Amino acid sequence: MGVVLPLKKPASTFVRIAFGAIVLTTAPAFPALAQLSANIPQGPQFPPDTAQTVAPSPAAPVAPPAQVPLDDTTPGGATQSYAASINTMDALNDERKLAVGDTLSYRVVEEEKEPVPLTVKASGEINVPLIGLYPAKGKTCKELAEELKPLLEKDYLYTATVIIGLDTESTQSLGKIFLMGQVKNQGAIDLPANEPLTVSKAVLMNGGLADWADWHHVKLLRKGPDGKTTTKNVDIQKIYSGQSTDDPVLQPGDTINVEEKLINF
């Protein structure tokens, strides 16, 4: 029979002496706690070589930001022509005269085609589909469309709704005008293509009237197609004071001659 002696160790170790030999045996320090741990449910166990990796859930797709169309543009960002936005000749511009370098858009509604870009050439003409070169300088879009309509209906279409729009105004000078007489700066100035220039504005742009100028007698000289020169009196004093709106729009080749006052004080 042997004797069992307990030793002080973290896990209970017993020394059993039997038959002259010392035998060490080890047992859990707290048997009840070990039994409780064994009863706790464990998660699924995978062999080391077959361990499964749980992939994260794919993120929800993010919608691309909405494309906001630019003003007066197509969805692709290209500038939309004026002719593409209207379908009646009554809406065409009937005020501004076309000038060399202007960019136009042209289409015939009945053809159901995209607008064609046209440019007013140095000769003052545009190259119109089916018609060819046609004078455009000095005409409004509406005037030009009304001239082209019967030409198309004569040989090509039963009905032609001609749409012409001014997409880009030329920055080129339309020509020269000349100032002489009692102005502070005599000489030639460029006539802008993108803005009407009147007699009173031209005088101001060139420094204004001289000290002895007759504000009531400013002469506008214009040569007509027949080669004859006409003269029109312009009262700049009344224009500047708001008493008159008779302020002629200048044309290339016009001359402004400011007379001198007869009596100077």
Protein backbone atom coordinates (compact mmCIF):
# COMPACT_ATOMS: atom_id res chain seq x y z
CA MET A 1 0.00 0.00 0.00
CA GLY A 2 1.31 3.41 -0.80
CA VAL A 3 1.11 6.90 0.74
CA VAL A 4 -0.06 9.96 -1.21
CA LEU A 5 1.50 13.35 -0.37
CA PRO A 6 0.11 16.64 -1.92
CA LEU A 7 2.61 19.19 -3.32
CA LYS A 8 2.04 22.98 -3.73
CA LYS A 9 1.84 23.51 -7.51
CA PRO A 10 -0.54 25.46 -9.82
CA ALA A 11 -2.15 22.19 -10.89
CA SER A 12 -2.65 19.63 -8.14
CA THR A 13 0.26 17.23 -8.23
CA PHE A 14 0.28 14.17 -6.10
CA VAL A 15 3.23 12.02 -5.18
CA ARG A 16 2.35 8.44 -4.89
CA ILE A 17 4.88 6.23 -3.14
CA ALA A 18 4.32 2.68 -3.99
CA PHE A 19 6.61 -0.20 -3.76
CA GLY A 20 9.61 2.01 -3.14
CA ALA A 21 9.04 4.10 -6.24
CA ILE A 22 7.84 7.69 -6.46
CA VAL A 23 5.17 8.31 -9.10
CA LEU A 24 4.00 11.86 -9.96
CA THR A 25 0.43 12.30 -11.18
CA THR A 26 -1.24 15.55 -12.22
CA ALA A 27 -4.92 16.51 -12.07
CA PRO A 28 -6.79 19.78 -12.69
CA ALA A 29 -6.64 22.17 -9.79
CA PHE A 30 -10.38 22.77 -9.95
CA PRO A 31 -12.20 19.74 -11.31
CA ALA A 32 -15.63 21.42 -11.14
CA LEU A 33 -14.45 24.42 -13.26
CA ALA A 34 -12.93 22.10 -15.85
CA GLN A 35 -16.19 20.18 -16.08
CA LEU A 36 -18.14 23.45 -16.51
CA SER A 37 -15.84 24.61 -19.32
CA ALA A 38 -16.32 21.34 -21.10
CA ASN A 39 -20.07 21.86 -21.11
CA ILE A 40 -19.96 25.33 -22.80
CA PRO A 41 -21.13 25.06 -26.43
CA GLN A 42 -18.36 25.57 -28.89
CA GLY A 43 -18.55 27.12 -32.40
CA PRO A 44 -18.11 24.99 -35.49
CA GLN A 45 -14.73 23.41 -35.69
CA PHE A 46 -12.84 23.20 -38.97
CA PRO A 47 -9.83 21.08 -39.60
CA PRO A 48 -6.68 23.17 -40.10
CA ASP A 49 -6.46 22.33 -43.78
CA THR A 50 -10.14 22.99 -44.49
CA ALA A 51 -10.69 26.22 -42.52
CA GLN A 52 -13.30 28.43 -44.11
CA THR A 53 -12.89 32.17 -44.60
CA VAL A 54 -16.08 34.22 -44.45
CA ALA A 55 -15.95 36.88 -47.19
CA PRO A 56 -17.31 40.33 -46.30
CA SER A 57 -20.63 41.26 -47.84
CA PRO A 58 -20.17 43.17 -51.09
CA ALA A 59 -20.81 46.90 -50.78
CA ALA A 60 -23.95 48.20 -52.40
CA PRO A 61 -23.21 49.74 -55.81
CA VAL A 62 -22.92 53.52 -55.71
CA ALA A 63 -24.89 55.29 -58.41
CA PRO A 64 -22.83 57.79 -60.48
CA PRO A 65 -23.66 61.46 -59.91
CA ALA A 66 -26.42 62.77 -62.10
CA GLN A 67 -25.26 64.68 -65.14
CA VAL A 68 -26.62 68.21 -65.11
CA PRO A 69 -26.94 69.54 -68.66
CA LEU A 70 -25.35 72.88 -69.30
CA ASP A 71 -27.48 75.78 -70.43
CA ASP A 72 -28.34 75.61 -74.12
CA THR A 73 -26.35 72.41 -74.62
CA THR A 74 -27.00 68.90 -75.75
CA PRO A 75 -26.56 66.01 -73.22
CA GLY A 76 -23.04 65.46 -74.53
CA GLY A 77 -22.01 69.01 -73.65
CA ALA A 78 -21.89 70.33 -77.20
CA THR A 79 -23.46 73.67 -77.79
CA GLN A 80 -26.98 73.39 -79.12
CA SER A 81 -27.62 75.43 -82.25
CA TYR A 82 -30.35 78.04 -82.30
CA ALA A 83 -31.97 76.45 -85.34
CA ALA A 84 -32.51 73.19 -83.43
CA SER A 85 -34.73 74.86 -80.85
CA ILE A 86 -37.47 76.39 -83.04
CA ASN A 87 -39.79 75.16 -85.80
CA THR A 88 -41.41 78.32 -87.12
CA MET A 89 -40.06 81.09 -89.31
CA ASP A 90 -42.05 83.68 -87.34
CA ALA A 91 -39.59 83.29 -84.45
CA LEU A 92 -36.50 84.12 -86.51
CA ASN A 93 -34.41 87.18 -85.69
CA ASP A 94 -35.47 90.16 -87.77
CA GLU A 95 -33.29 92.87 -86.21
CA ARG A 96 -29.56 92.17 -86.46
CA LYS A 97 -27.97 92.30 -89.90
CA LEU A 98 -25.62 89.44 -90.68
CA ALA A 99 -21.94 90.23 -91.03
CA VAL A 100 -18.81 88.57 -92.36
CA GLY A 101 -17.61 85.92 -89.90
CA ASP A 102 -21.02 85.23 -88.34
CA THR A 103 -21.68 81.55 -87.61
CA LEU A 104 -25.19 80.37 -88.47
CA SER A 105 -27.20 77.18 -88.12
CA TYR A 106 -29.47 76.17 -90.99
CA ARG A 107 -32.12 73.51 -91.42
CA VAL A 108 -35.37 72.81 -93.22
CA VAL A 109 -38.01 71.39 -90.88
CA GLU A 110 -39.55 69.13 -93.51
CA GLU A 111 -36.23 67.40 -94.19
CA GLU A 112 -36.08 66.18 -90.55
CA LYS A 113 -32.30 66.57 -90.42
CA GLU A 114 -29.89 68.07 -87.91
CA PRO A 115 -28.96 71.76 -88.39
CA VAL A 116 -26.05 72.50 -90.71
CA PRO A 117 -23.41 75.04 -89.56
CA LEU A 118 -22.77 77.88 -92.02
CA THR A 119 -20.36 80.82 -91.91
CA VAL A 120 -20.74 84.13 -93.70
CA LYS A 121 -17.72 84.24 -95.99
CA ALA A 122 -15.55 87.27 -96.77
CA SER A 123 -17.61 87.65 -99.93
CA GLY A 124 -20.74 88.04 -97.79
CA GLU A 125 -22.17 84.72 -98.98
CA ILE A 126 -23.12 81.43 -97.32
CA ASN A 127 -23.04 77.99 -98.91
CA VAL A 128 -26.64 76.77 -98.65
CA PRO A 129 -27.34 73.04 -99.17
CA LEU A 130 -29.05 72.34 -102.53
CA ILE A 131 -28.78 76.01 -103.51
CA GLY A 132 -25.09 76.83 -103.26
CA LEU A 133 -23.57 80.24 -102.59
CA TYR A 134 -26.14 82.85 -101.68
CA PRO A 135 -25.73 86.49 -100.44
CA ALA A 136 -26.31 86.81 -96.69
CA LYS A 137 -24.37 89.87 -95.51
CA GLY A 138 -26.59 92.78 -94.52
CA LYS A 139 -29.73 90.65 -94.17
CA THR A 140 -31.46 89.44 -91.03
CA CYS A 141 -31.97 85.72 -90.40
CA LYS A 142 -35.67 86.11 -91.14
CA GLU A 143 -35.08 88.00 -94.38
CA LEU A 144 -32.60 85.39 -95.54
CA ALA A 145 -34.92 82.49 -94.70
CA GLU A 146 -37.82 84.13 -96.56
CA GLU A 147 -35.62 84.52 -99.66
CA LEU A 148 -34.46 80.90 -99.57
CA LYS A 149 -37.92 79.42 -99.00
CA PRO A 150 -39.31 79.94 -102.55
CA LEU A 151 -36.05 78.76 -104.11
CA LEU A 152 -36.30 75.44 -102.28
CA GLU A 153 -40.01 75.06 -103.00
CA LYS A 154 -39.46 75.74 -106.70
CA ASP A 155 -37.11 72.84 -107.41
CA TYR A 156 -36.73 70.62 -104.36
CA LEU A 157 -39.55 70.61 -101.80
CA TYR A 158 -43.31 71.08 -101.84
CA THR A 159 -43.08 73.00 -98.57
CA ALA A 160 -39.93 74.42 -97.01
CA THR A 161 -39.90 75.84 -93.50
CA VAL A 162 -36.44 77.40 -93.45
CA ILE A 163 -34.89 77.93 -90.03
CA ILE A 164 -31.75 80.08 -89.76
CA GLY A 165 -30.24 81.02 -86.42
CA LEU A 166 -27.30 83.20 -85.45
CA ASP A 167 -25.12 81.06 -83.19
CA THR A 168 -21.97 83.19 -82.93
CA GLU A 169 -21.59 86.84 -83.77
CA SER A 170 -18.47 87.84 -85.62
CA THR A 171 -15.83 89.83 -83.77
CA GLN A 172 -14.46 91.20 -87.02
CA SER A 173 -14.88 94.84 -87.89
CA LEU A 174 -17.60 95.57 -90.42
CA GLY A 175 -15.48 98.31 -91.90
CA LYS A 176 -14.51 101.89 -91.22
CA ILE A 177 -16.42 105.07 -90.45
CA PHE A 178 -14.87 108.53 -90.51
CA LEU A 179 -15.13 111.54 -88.20
CA MET A 180 -14.19 115.04 -89.26
CA GLY A 181 -14.85 118.65 -88.30
CA GLN A 182 -15.29 119.81 -84.71
CA VAL A 183 -14.45 116.59 -82.89
CA LYS A 184 -11.58 116.07 -80.50
CA ASN A 185 -10.15 113.16 -82.47
CA GLN A 186 -10.59 113.13 -86.22
CA GLY A 187 -10.02 110.06 -88.33
CA ALA A 188 -11.29 106.54 -89.01
CA ILE A 189 -12.63 104.10 -86.42
CA ASP A 190 -13.67 100.46 -86.77
CA LEU A 191 -17.33 99.65 -86.97
CA PRO A 192 -17.98 96.72 -84.57
CA ALA A 193 -19.85 93.71 -85.88
CA ASN A 194 -21.53 92.62 -82.66
CA GLU A 195 -23.11 95.92 -81.58
CA PRO A 196 -24.98 98.68 -83.41
CA LEU A 197 -23.03 101.93 -83.39
CA THR A 198 -24.96 105.18 -83.68
CA VAL A 199 -23.80 108.70 -84.52
CA SER A 200 -23.86 109.91 -80.92
CA LYS A 201 -22.00 106.85 -79.64
CA ALA A 202 -19.32 107.17 -82.32
CA VAL A 203 -18.66 110.79 -81.33
CA LEU A 204 -18.28 109.81 -77.67
CA MET A 205 -16.00 106.87 -78.51
CA ASN A 206 -13.69 109.22 -80.39
CA GLY A 207 -13.25 111.72 -77.57
CA GLY A 208 -16.42 113.81 -77.92
CA LEU A 209 -17.08 117.17 -79.54
CA ALA A 210 -14.58 120.01 -79.70
CA ASP A 211 -15.13 123.33 -77.92
CA TRP A 212 -16.55 125.12 -80.96
CA ALA A 213 -18.76 122.30 -82.19
CA ASP A 214 -22.35 122.95 -83.17
CA TRP A 215 -24.20 120.25 -81.25
CA HIS A 216 -27.39 120.86 -83.23
CA HIS A 217 -25.79 120.39 -86.66
CA VAL A 218 -23.93 117.12 -86.96
CA LYS A 219 -23.99 115.84 -90.52
CA LEU A 220 -24.15 112.17 -91.48
CA LEU A 221 -22.93 111.56 -95.03
CA ARG A 222 -23.73 108.21 -96.64
CA LYS A 223 -23.04 106.96 -100.15
CA GLY A 224 -25.85 104.90 -101.64
CA PRO A 225 -25.72 101.95 -104.05
CA ASP A 226 -26.09 104.37 -106.96
CA GLY A 227 -22.97 106.22 -105.87
CA LYS A 228 -24.84 109.32 -104.74
CA THR A 229 -24.18 110.79 -101.30
CA THR A 230 -27.06 111.71 -99.00
CA THR A 231 -26.77 114.03 -96.01
CA LYS A 232 -28.79 113.81 -92.80
CA ASN A 233 -28.69 116.31 -89.95
CA VAL A 234 -28.43 114.86 -86.45
CA ASP A 235 -29.10 116.97 -83.34
CA ILE A 236 -26.75 115.42 -80.79
CA GLN A 237 -27.74 117.96 -78.14
CA LYS A 238 -31.32 116.64 -78.12
CA ILE A 239 -30.14 113.03 -78.16
CA TYR A 240 -27.89 113.52 -75.13
CA SER A 241 -30.65 115.35 -73.24
CA GLY A 242 -33.22 112.66 -74.01
CA GLN A 243 -35.40 114.91 -76.17
CA SER A 244 -34.80 112.90 -79.34
CA THR A 245 -34.22 109.28 -80.33
CA ASP A 246 -33.29 110.08 -83.91
CA ASP A 247 -29.81 108.60 -83.68
CA PRO A 248 -29.00 106.77 -86.95
CA VAL A 249 -27.14 103.46 -86.88
CA LEU A 250 -23.89 103.75 -88.82
CA GLN A 251 -22.90 101.67 -91.82
CA PRO A 252 -19.45 100.97 -93.25
CA GLY A 253 -18.14 103.98 -95.14
CA ASP A 254 -20.31 106.57 -93.34
CA THR A 255 -18.80 109.97 -92.54
CA ILE A 256 -19.70 112.17 -89.57
CA ASN A 257 -18.97 115.86 -90.07
CA VAL A 258 -19.47 118.14 -87.07
CA GLU A 259 -19.91 121.75 -88.05
CA GLU A 260 -18.57 124.77 -86.20
CA LYS A 261 -20.88 127.17 -84.38
CA LEU A 262 -21.42 130.38 -86.32
CA ILE A 263 -21.16 132.55 -83.18
CA ASN A 264 -18.76 131.61 -80.42
CA PHE A 265 -18.89 133.28 -77.01
